[in-house]
């Protein structure tokens, strides 16, 4: 996906996650939207920093980098939503584009992708981005509001790098 698609995805995710996490529609919802959107956007743009150094869609587009950003908030109590932006960046590049990403870099340079993606310059790129974002928001809704009714997470949820 291109930068426009990643920013569009992050903005829509920030708004959607704000309402999922704080559905009241009050000023607290607006605060949650801002608190989520800014770090998600930073995370969504971060993997493409590897265009300035390293190998694009390899150096910063791998599971070890994502793992670092998932663990970081647990260790340092900040950057809580950045990992969501990075994860959604990977999802867009994996499913939404034809090229894919090197998930296991530096162990392997092989790029993995979904066979039905579009090129980053395609006129359908934004439509694919919006469709993927809708699926991501549906998954987030299920994780936050439906799954806890059926699965006892105990103390695990309080340790996650996201406020539920």
N, C-alpha and C. Protein backbone atom coordinates (compact mmCIF):
# COMPACT_ATOMS: atom_id res chain seq x y z
N UNK A 1 0.84 -1.17 0.00
CA UNK A 1 0.00 0.00 0.00
C UNK A 1 0.89 1.24 0.00
N UNK A 2 0.34 2.36 -0.43
CA UNK A 2 1.10 3.60 -0.46
C UNK A 2 0.88 4.40 0.83
N UNK A 3 1.64 5.49 1.00
CA UNK A 3 1.53 6.28 2.24
C UNK A 3 0.12 6.81 2.46
N UNK A 4 -0.53 7.23 1.38
CA UNK A 4 -1.91 7.72 1.50
C UNK A 4 -2.81 6.65 2.08
N UNK A 5 -2.66 5.43 1.62
CA UNK A 5 -3.47 4.32 2.13
C UNK A 5 -3.19 4.04 3.59
N UNK A 6 -1.93 4.12 3.99
CA UNK A 6 -1.59 3.87 5.40
C UNK A 6 -2.15 4.97 6.30
N UNK A 7 -2.10 6.22 5.85
CA UNK A 7 -2.66 7.31 6.65
C UNK A 7 -4.18 7.20 6.70
N UNK A 8 -4.82 6.89 5.58
CA UNK A 8 -6.27 6.70 5.55
C UNK A 8 -6.68 5.58 6.51
N UNK A 9 -5.97 4.46 6.47
CA UNK A 9 -6.23 3.33 7.36
C UNK A 9 -6.08 3.75 8.82
N UNK A 10 -5.00 4.46 9.14
CA UNK A 10 -4.75 4.87 10.53
C UNK A 10 -5.82 5.84 11.02
N UNK A 11 -6.22 6.79 10.19
CA UNK A 11 -7.24 7.76 10.61
C UNK A 11 -8.58 7.06 10.86
N UNK A 12 -8.98 6.20 9.94
CA UNK A 12 -10.24 5.48 10.11
C UNK A 12 -10.18 4.53 11.31
N UNK A 13 -9.04 3.88 11.49
CA UNK A 13 -8.88 3.00 12.66
C UNK A 13 -8.94 3.79 13.96
N UNK A 14 -8.27 4.94 13.99
CA UNK A 14 -8.29 5.76 15.20
C UNK A 14 -9.69 6.17 15.59
N UNK A 15 -10.47 6.61 14.61
CA UNK A 15 -11.85 7.00 14.88
C UNK A 15 -12.67 5.79 15.30
N UNK A 16 -12.55 4.71 14.54
CA UNK A 16 -13.31 3.50 14.86
C UNK A 16 -12.95 2.91 16.20
N UNK A 17 -11.65 2.80 16.49
CA UNK A 17 -11.22 2.26 17.77
C UNK A 17 -11.63 3.17 18.93
N UNK A 18 -11.63 4.48 18.68
CA UNK A 18 -12.10 5.41 19.72
C UNK A 18 -13.53 5.11 20.12
N UNK A 19 -14.38 4.86 19.15
CA UNK A 19 -15.78 4.51 19.45
C UNK A 19 -15.93 3.10 20.01
N UNK A 20 -15.07 2.18 19.59
CA UNK A 20 -15.13 0.82 20.12
C UNK A 20 -14.71 0.81 21.59
N UNK A 21 -13.65 1.55 21.91
CA UNK A 21 -13.15 1.57 23.28
C UNK A 21 -13.99 2.45 24.20
N UNK A 22 -14.58 3.52 23.66
CA UNK A 22 -15.40 4.44 24.45
C UNK A 22 -16.63 4.84 23.63
N UNK A 23 -17.65 3.97 23.62
CA UNK A 23 -18.80 4.16 22.73
C UNK A 23 -19.83 5.20 23.19
N UNK A 24 -19.55 5.94 24.23
CA UNK A 24 -20.56 6.85 24.81
C UNK A 24 -20.93 8.02 23.90
N UNK A 25 -20.04 8.39 22.98
CA UNK A 25 -20.32 9.53 22.11
C UNK A 25 -20.13 10.86 22.80
N UNK A 26 -19.45 10.86 23.92
CA UNK A 26 -19.23 12.08 24.71
C UNK A 26 -17.82 12.63 24.43
N UNK A 27 -17.45 13.63 25.22
CA UNK A 27 -16.10 14.19 25.12
C UNK A 27 -15.04 13.12 25.40
N UNK A 28 -15.38 12.14 26.23
CA UNK A 28 -14.45 11.04 26.52
C UNK A 28 -14.18 10.21 25.26
N UNK A 29 -15.18 10.06 24.40
CA UNK A 29 -14.97 9.37 23.12
C UNK A 29 -13.99 10.16 22.26
N UNK A 30 -14.17 11.47 22.20
CA UNK A 30 -13.26 12.32 21.43
C UNK A 30 -11.84 12.22 21.97
N UNK A 31 -11.69 12.23 23.30
CA UNK A 31 -10.38 12.10 23.91
C UNK A 31 -9.75 10.76 23.54
N UNK A 32 -10.54 9.71 23.55
CA UNK A 32 -10.05 8.37 23.20
C UNK A 32 -9.64 8.32 21.74
N UNK A 33 -10.42 8.94 20.87
CA UNK A 33 -10.08 8.99 19.44
C UNK A 33 -8.71 9.64 19.24
N UNK A 34 -8.48 10.77 19.89
CA UNK A 34 -7.19 11.46 19.76
C UNK A 34 -6.07 10.61 20.36
N UNK A 35 -6.33 10.03 21.54
CA UNK A 35 -5.32 9.22 22.23
C UNK A 35 -4.92 7.99 21.41
N UNK A 36 -5.83 7.48 20.60
CA UNK A 36 -5.55 6.29 19.79
C UNK A 36 -5.01 6.68 18.41
N UNK A 37 -5.60 7.68 17.78
CA UNK A 37 -5.27 8.01 16.39
C UNK A 37 -3.82 8.43 16.21
N UNK A 38 -3.30 9.25 17.09
CA UNK A 38 -1.93 9.75 16.91
C UNK A 38 -0.91 8.61 16.97
N UNK A 39 -0.90 7.77 18.02
CA UNK A 39 0.08 6.67 18.00
C UNK A 39 -0.17 5.63 16.91
N UNK A 40 -1.44 5.37 16.57
CA UNK A 40 -1.71 4.41 15.49
C UNK A 40 -1.16 4.95 14.18
N UNK A 41 -1.31 6.25 13.94
CA UNK A 41 -0.79 6.85 12.72
C UNK A 41 0.74 6.78 12.69
N UNK A 42 1.37 7.08 13.81
CA UNK A 42 2.83 6.96 13.87
C UNK A 42 3.26 5.53 13.58
N UNK A 43 2.57 4.57 14.16
CA UNK A 43 2.89 3.17 13.91
C UNK A 43 2.63 2.77 12.47
N UNK A 44 1.57 3.30 11.87
CA UNK A 44 1.24 2.97 10.49
C UNK A 44 2.29 3.49 9.52
N UNK A 45 2.94 4.58 9.86
CA UNK A 45 3.96 5.15 8.98
C UNK A 45 5.36 4.61 9.27
N UNK A 46 5.59 4.13 10.49
CA UNK A 46 6.93 3.71 10.89
C UNK A 46 7.57 2.67 9.97
N UNK A 47 6.89 1.59 9.58
CA UNK A 47 7.59 0.59 8.76
C UNK A 47 8.18 1.14 7.46
N UNK A 48 7.60 2.20 6.91
CA UNK A 48 8.13 2.74 5.66
C UNK A 48 9.37 3.62 5.85
N UNK A 49 9.81 3.78 7.10
CA UNK A 49 11.09 4.45 7.34
C UNK A 49 12.21 3.67 6.66
N UNK A 50 11.99 2.38 6.45
CA UNK A 50 13.03 1.57 5.80
C UNK A 50 13.24 1.93 4.33
N UNK A 51 12.47 2.87 3.80
CA UNK A 51 12.75 3.36 2.44
C UNK A 51 14.00 4.24 2.45
N UNK A 52 14.34 4.82 3.63
CA UNK A 52 15.51 5.69 3.74
C UNK A 52 16.78 4.90 4.03
N UNK A 53 16.64 3.69 4.55
CA UNK A 53 17.80 2.84 4.84
C UNK A 53 17.34 1.39 4.76
N UNK A 54 18.27 0.49 4.66
CA UNK A 54 17.92 -0.92 4.65
C UNK A 54 17.21 -1.30 3.36
N UNK A 55 16.37 -2.31 3.48
CA UNK A 55 15.64 -2.84 2.32
C UNK A 55 14.15 -2.67 2.58
N UNK A 56 13.48 -1.93 1.69
CA UNK A 56 12.05 -1.66 1.87
C UNK A 56 11.24 -2.94 1.84
N UNK A 57 10.27 -3.00 2.71
CA UNK A 57 9.40 -4.15 2.93
C UNK A 57 10.16 -5.38 3.46
N UNK A 58 11.33 -5.11 4.01
CA UNK A 58 12.09 -6.16 4.67
C UNK A 58 12.54 -5.68 6.04
N UNK A 59 13.40 -4.67 6.10
CA UNK A 59 14.05 -4.25 7.34
C UNK A 59 13.05 -3.96 8.46
N UNK A 60 12.02 -3.20 8.21
CA UNK A 60 11.05 -2.83 9.25
C UNK A 60 9.67 -3.42 9.02
N UNK A 61 9.57 -4.40 8.15
CA UNK A 61 8.29 -5.04 7.84
C UNK A 61 8.30 -6.50 8.28
N UNK A 62 8.82 -6.77 9.46
CA UNK A 62 8.97 -8.16 9.89
C UNK A 62 8.34 -8.39 11.26
N UNK A 63 8.09 -9.64 11.55
CA UNK A 63 7.49 -10.00 12.84
C UNK A 63 8.37 -9.62 14.03
N UNK A 64 9.72 -9.72 13.95
CA UNK A 64 10.52 -9.27 15.09
C UNK A 64 10.32 -7.78 15.42
N UNK A 65 10.17 -6.93 14.41
CA UNK A 65 9.92 -5.50 14.66
C UNK A 65 8.57 -5.32 15.32
N UNK A 66 7.54 -6.02 14.84
CA UNK A 66 6.22 -5.95 15.46
C UNK A 66 6.29 -6.41 16.91
N UNK A 67 7.00 -7.52 17.15
CA UNK A 67 7.14 -8.04 18.51
C UNK A 67 7.77 -7.02 19.44
N UNK A 68 8.77 -6.29 18.95
CA UNK A 68 9.42 -5.25 19.75
C UNK A 68 8.41 -4.18 20.18
N UNK A 69 7.54 -3.77 19.27
CA UNK A 69 6.57 -2.73 19.59
C UNK A 69 5.40 -3.23 20.42
N UNK A 70 5.14 -4.53 20.40
CA UNK A 70 4.12 -5.10 21.29
C UNK A 70 4.67 -5.16 22.71
N UNK A 71 5.94 -5.50 22.87
CA UNK A 71 6.56 -5.64 24.18
C UNK A 71 6.92 -4.28 24.78
N UNK A 72 7.25 -3.30 23.95
CA UNK A 72 7.72 -2.00 24.42
C UNK A 72 6.81 -1.37 25.47
N UNK A 73 5.48 -1.30 25.26
CA UNK A 73 4.61 -0.68 26.27
C UNK A 73 4.60 -1.45 27.59
N UNK A 74 4.81 -2.74 27.54
CA UNK A 74 4.86 -3.53 28.78
C UNK A 74 6.09 -3.17 29.59
N UNK A 75 7.19 -2.88 28.91
CA UNK A 75 8.44 -2.57 29.60
C UNK A 75 8.56 -1.10 30.00
N UNK A 76 8.03 -0.19 29.16
CA UNK A 76 8.26 1.23 29.39
C UNK A 76 6.99 2.05 29.63
N UNK A 77 5.83 1.41 29.58
CA UNK A 77 4.56 2.07 29.87
C UNK A 77 4.27 3.27 28.97
N UNK A 78 4.67 3.19 27.70
CA UNK A 78 4.27 4.20 26.72
C UNK A 78 4.23 3.57 25.33
N UNK A 79 3.84 4.31 24.36
CA UNK A 79 3.68 3.83 22.98
C UNK A 79 2.64 2.71 22.87
N UNK A 80 1.60 2.77 23.69
CA UNK A 80 0.64 1.68 23.79
C UNK A 80 -0.06 1.33 22.48
N UNK A 81 -0.37 2.28 21.64
CA UNK A 81 -1.14 1.96 20.44
C UNK A 81 -0.30 1.94 19.17
N UNK A 82 0.99 2.22 19.27
CA UNK A 82 1.85 2.23 18.08
C UNK A 82 1.87 0.86 17.42
N UNK A 83 1.89 -0.20 18.22
CA UNK A 83 1.95 -1.56 17.65
C UNK A 83 0.74 -1.85 16.77
N UNK A 84 -0.41 -1.25 17.08
CA UNK A 84 -1.61 -1.46 16.26
C UNK A 84 -1.39 -0.86 14.88
N UNK A 85 -0.79 0.33 14.82
CA UNK A 85 -0.49 0.95 13.53
C UNK A 85 0.48 0.12 12.72
N UNK A 86 1.50 -0.43 13.39
CA UNK A 86 2.47 -1.28 12.69
C UNK A 86 1.79 -2.55 12.19
N UNK A 87 0.99 -3.17 13.05
CA UNK A 87 0.29 -4.38 12.63
C UNK A 87 -0.62 -4.12 11.43
N UNK A 88 -1.37 -3.02 11.46
CA UNK A 88 -2.27 -2.75 10.34
C UNK A 88 -1.49 -2.38 9.07
N UNK A 89 -0.32 -1.77 9.23
CA UNK A 89 0.54 -1.51 8.08
C UNK A 89 0.92 -2.85 7.43
N UNK A 90 1.31 -3.81 8.25
CA UNK A 90 1.65 -5.13 7.73
C UNK A 90 0.46 -5.78 7.04
N UNK A 91 -0.72 -5.68 7.66
CA UNK A 91 -1.92 -6.28 7.07
C UNK A 91 -2.20 -5.65 5.70
N UNK A 92 -2.11 -4.33 5.60
CA UNK A 92 -2.34 -3.67 4.31
C UNK A 92 -1.31 -4.10 3.27
N UNK A 93 -0.03 -4.16 3.65
CA UNK A 93 0.99 -4.56 2.69
C UNK A 93 0.90 -6.04 2.33
N UNK A 94 0.47 -6.87 3.27
CA UNK A 94 0.36 -8.31 3.02
C UNK A 94 -0.87 -8.64 2.17
N UNK A 95 -2.03 -8.10 2.58
CA UNK A 95 -3.28 -8.44 1.89
C UNK A 95 -3.59 -7.47 0.76
N UNK A 96 -3.30 -6.20 0.98
CA UNK A 96 -3.74 -5.18 0.04
C UNK A 96 -2.84 -4.95 -1.15
N UNK A 97 -1.58 -5.35 -1.08
CA UNK A 97 -0.68 -5.10 -2.21
C UNK A 97 -0.20 -6.42 -2.83
N UNK A 98 0.23 -6.33 -4.03
CA UNK A 98 0.67 -7.55 -4.73
C UNK A 98 2.03 -8.03 -4.27
N UNK A 99 2.87 -7.11 -3.84
CA UNK A 99 4.25 -7.46 -3.53
C UNK A 99 4.38 -8.27 -2.24
N UNK A 100 3.68 -7.89 -1.19
CA UNK A 100 3.81 -8.57 0.10
C UNK A 100 4.96 -8.02 0.91
N UNK A 101 5.30 -8.72 2.01
CA UNK A 101 6.36 -8.28 2.91
C UNK A 101 7.20 -9.48 3.37
N UNK A 102 8.41 -9.19 3.82
CA UNK A 102 9.32 -10.23 4.32
C UNK A 102 9.08 -10.40 5.82
N UNK A 103 8.09 -11.20 6.16
CA UNK A 103 7.68 -11.37 7.56
C UNK A 103 8.79 -11.90 8.47
N UNK A 104 9.68 -12.69 7.94
CA UNK A 104 10.69 -13.34 8.78
C UNK A 104 12.09 -12.76 8.59
N UNK A 105 12.17 -11.56 8.02
CA UNK A 105 13.46 -10.89 7.85
C UNK A 105 14.04 -10.58 9.23
N UNK A 106 15.28 -10.76 9.51
CA UNK A 106 16.42 -11.04 8.64
C UNK A 106 16.70 -12.54 8.43
N UNK A 107 15.89 -13.40 9.01
CA UNK A 107 16.11 -14.84 8.83
C UNK A 107 15.86 -15.27 7.39
N UNK A 108 14.90 -14.63 6.73
CA UNK A 108 14.57 -14.95 5.35
C UNK A 108 14.14 -13.67 4.63
N UNK A 109 14.60 -13.51 3.42
CA UNK A 109 14.22 -12.34 2.61
C UNK A 109 12.99 -12.61 1.74
N UNK A 110 12.43 -13.80 1.83
CA UNK A 110 11.26 -14.13 1.02
C UNK A 110 10.08 -13.24 1.42
N UNK A 111 9.43 -12.69 0.42
CA UNK A 111 8.27 -11.84 0.67
C UNK A 111 6.99 -12.65 0.54
N UNK A 112 6.09 -12.45 1.49
CA UNK A 112 4.81 -13.14 1.51
C UNK A 112 3.71 -12.13 1.27
N UNK A 113 2.73 -12.51 0.48
CA UNK A 113 1.61 -11.63 0.21
C UNK A 113 0.38 -12.43 -0.18
N UNK A 114 -0.73 -11.77 -0.16
CA UNK A 114 -2.00 -12.35 -0.53
C UNK A 114 -2.13 -12.25 -2.05
N UNK A 115 -2.57 -13.29 -2.73
CA UNK A 115 -2.55 -13.29 -4.19
C UNK A 115 -3.49 -12.27 -4.86
N UNK A 116 -4.43 -11.72 -4.13
CA UNK A 116 -5.40 -10.83 -4.79
C UNK A 116 -5.17 -9.35 -4.50
N UNK A 117 -4.00 -8.98 -4.05
CA UNK A 117 -3.74 -7.57 -3.75
C UNK A 117 -3.68 -6.72 -5.01
N UNK A 118 -3.58 -5.41 -4.82
CA UNK A 118 -3.49 -4.48 -5.94
C UNK A 118 -2.14 -3.78 -5.89
N UNK A 119 -1.74 -3.19 -7.00
CA UNK A 119 -0.50 -2.41 -7.00
C UNK A 119 -0.74 -1.12 -6.24
N UNK A 120 0.33 -0.54 -5.70
CA UNK A 120 0.17 0.68 -4.90
C UNK A 120 -0.36 1.85 -5.71
N UNK A 121 -0.18 1.82 -7.02
CA UNK A 121 -0.68 2.92 -7.86
C UNK A 121 -2.07 2.64 -8.43
N UNK A 122 -2.67 1.53 -8.07
CA UNK A 122 -3.98 1.15 -8.60
C UNK A 122 -5.06 2.14 -8.19
N UNK A 123 -6.02 2.36 -9.06
CA UNK A 123 -7.15 3.23 -8.71
C UNK A 123 -8.04 2.58 -7.66
N UNK A 124 -7.84 1.29 -7.42
CA UNK A 124 -8.62 0.58 -6.41
C UNK A 124 -7.92 0.51 -5.05
N UNK A 125 -6.73 1.09 -4.94
CA UNK A 125 -5.94 0.99 -3.70
C UNK A 125 -6.71 1.52 -2.49
N UNK A 126 -7.36 2.68 -2.62
CA UNK A 126 -8.09 3.24 -1.47
C UNK A 126 -9.32 2.40 -1.13
N UNK A 127 -9.98 1.85 -2.13
CA UNK A 127 -11.14 1.00 -1.85
C UNK A 127 -10.71 -0.26 -1.10
N UNK A 128 -9.57 -0.83 -1.51
CA UNK A 128 -9.04 -2.00 -0.81
C UNK A 128 -8.67 -1.62 0.62
N UNK A 129 -8.05 -0.46 0.79
CA UNK A 129 -7.69 0.02 2.14
C UNK A 129 -8.92 0.15 3.02
N UNK A 130 -9.98 0.74 2.51
CA UNK A 130 -11.20 0.93 3.29
C UNK A 130 -11.84 -0.42 3.64
N UNK A 131 -11.84 -1.34 2.71
CA UNK A 131 -12.40 -2.67 2.97
C UNK A 131 -11.60 -3.40 4.06
N UNK A 132 -10.28 -3.35 3.97
CA UNK A 132 -9.44 -4.00 4.97
C UNK A 132 -9.63 -3.33 6.33
N UNK A 133 -9.73 -2.01 6.34
CA UNK A 133 -9.95 -1.28 7.60
C UNK A 133 -11.27 -1.68 8.24
N UNK A 134 -12.30 -1.85 7.44
CA UNK A 134 -13.60 -2.28 7.97
C UNK A 134 -13.49 -3.66 8.62
N UNK A 135 -12.75 -4.55 7.99
CA UNK A 135 -12.55 -5.89 8.56
C UNK A 135 -11.75 -5.80 9.86
N UNK A 136 -10.72 -4.97 9.88
CA UNK A 136 -9.93 -4.78 11.10
C UNK A 136 -10.78 -4.23 12.24
N UNK A 137 -11.65 -3.27 11.93
CA UNK A 137 -12.52 -2.70 12.98
C UNK A 137 -13.54 -3.72 13.46
N UNK A 138 -14.04 -4.54 12.56
CA UNK A 138 -14.97 -5.60 12.98
C UNK A 138 -14.26 -6.57 13.91
N UNK A 139 -13.02 -6.93 13.58
CA UNK A 139 -12.23 -7.82 14.45
C UNK A 139 -11.98 -7.17 15.80
N UNK A 140 -11.66 -5.88 15.82
CA UNK A 140 -11.44 -5.17 17.09
C UNK A 140 -12.71 -5.16 17.93
N UNK A 141 -13.85 -4.94 17.30
CA UNK A 141 -15.12 -4.94 18.02
C UNK A 141 -15.36 -6.30 18.67
N UNK A 142 -15.12 -7.36 17.92
CA UNK A 142 -15.31 -8.71 18.45
C UNK A 142 -14.35 -8.96 19.62
N UNK A 143 -13.10 -8.56 19.47
CA UNK A 143 -12.11 -8.78 20.53
C UNK A 143 -12.47 -8.01 21.80
N UNK A 144 -12.94 -6.78 21.65
CA UNK A 144 -13.22 -5.93 22.82
C UNK A 144 -14.58 -6.21 23.44
N UNK A 145 -15.62 -6.43 22.61
CA UNK A 145 -16.98 -6.50 23.16
C UNK A 145 -17.62 -7.88 23.14
N UNK A 146 -17.22 -8.76 22.24
CA UNK A 146 -17.88 -10.06 22.13
C UNK A 146 -17.07 -11.16 22.81
N UNK A 147 -15.81 -11.26 22.46
CA UNK A 147 -14.97 -12.34 22.99
C UNK A 147 -14.95 -12.41 24.52
N UNK A 148 -14.87 -11.29 25.25
CA UNK A 148 -14.85 -11.38 26.71
C UNK A 148 -16.10 -12.03 27.32
N UNK A 149 -17.20 -12.08 26.57
CA UNK A 149 -18.40 -12.75 27.06
C UNK A 149 -18.25 -14.27 27.06
N UNK A 150 -17.33 -14.77 26.24
CA UNK A 150 -17.16 -16.20 26.07
C UNK A 150 -15.83 -16.74 26.60
N UNK A 151 -14.86 -15.87 26.76
CA UNK A 151 -13.54 -16.29 27.19
C UNK A 151 -13.15 -15.51 28.43
N UNK A 152 -12.71 -16.21 29.46
CA UNK A 152 -12.25 -15.57 30.69
C UNK A 152 -10.77 -15.27 30.54
N UNK A 153 -10.46 -14.00 30.37
CA UNK A 153 -9.07 -13.60 30.19
C UNK A 153 -8.34 -13.41 31.52
N UNK A 154 -9.09 -13.33 32.60
CA UNK A 154 -8.47 -13.14 33.92
C UNK A 154 -7.62 -11.90 33.96
N UNK A 155 -6.43 -12.01 34.47
CA UNK A 155 -5.52 -10.87 34.59
C UNK A 155 -4.74 -10.57 33.34
N UNK A 156 -4.88 -11.39 32.31
CA UNK A 156 -4.12 -11.18 31.08
C UNK A 156 -4.47 -9.86 30.42
N UNK A 157 -5.75 -9.50 30.39
CA UNK A 157 -6.20 -8.29 29.70
C UNK A 157 -5.56 -7.06 30.31
N UNK A 158 -5.41 -7.00 31.60
CA UNK A 158 -4.81 -5.82 32.24
C UNK A 158 -3.34 -5.66 31.90
N UNK A 159 -2.69 -6.72 31.42
CA UNK A 159 -1.28 -6.64 31.06
C UNK A 159 -1.06 -6.33 29.58
N UNK A 160 -2.13 -6.38 28.78
CA UNK A 160 -1.99 -6.12 27.36
C UNK A 160 -1.63 -4.66 27.11
N UNK A 161 -0.86 -4.38 26.04
CA UNK A 161 -0.50 -3.00 25.72
C UNK A 161 -1.63 -2.26 25.00
N UNK A 162 -2.85 -2.40 25.49
CA UNK A 162 -4.01 -1.68 24.96
C UNK A 162 -5.05 -1.64 26.07
N UNK A 163 -5.72 -0.53 26.16
CA UNK A 163 -6.75 -0.40 27.19
C UNK A 163 -8.06 -0.95 26.68
N UNK A 164 -8.62 -1.91 27.39
CA UNK A 164 -9.91 -2.49 27.01
C UNK A 164 -10.89 -2.20 28.11
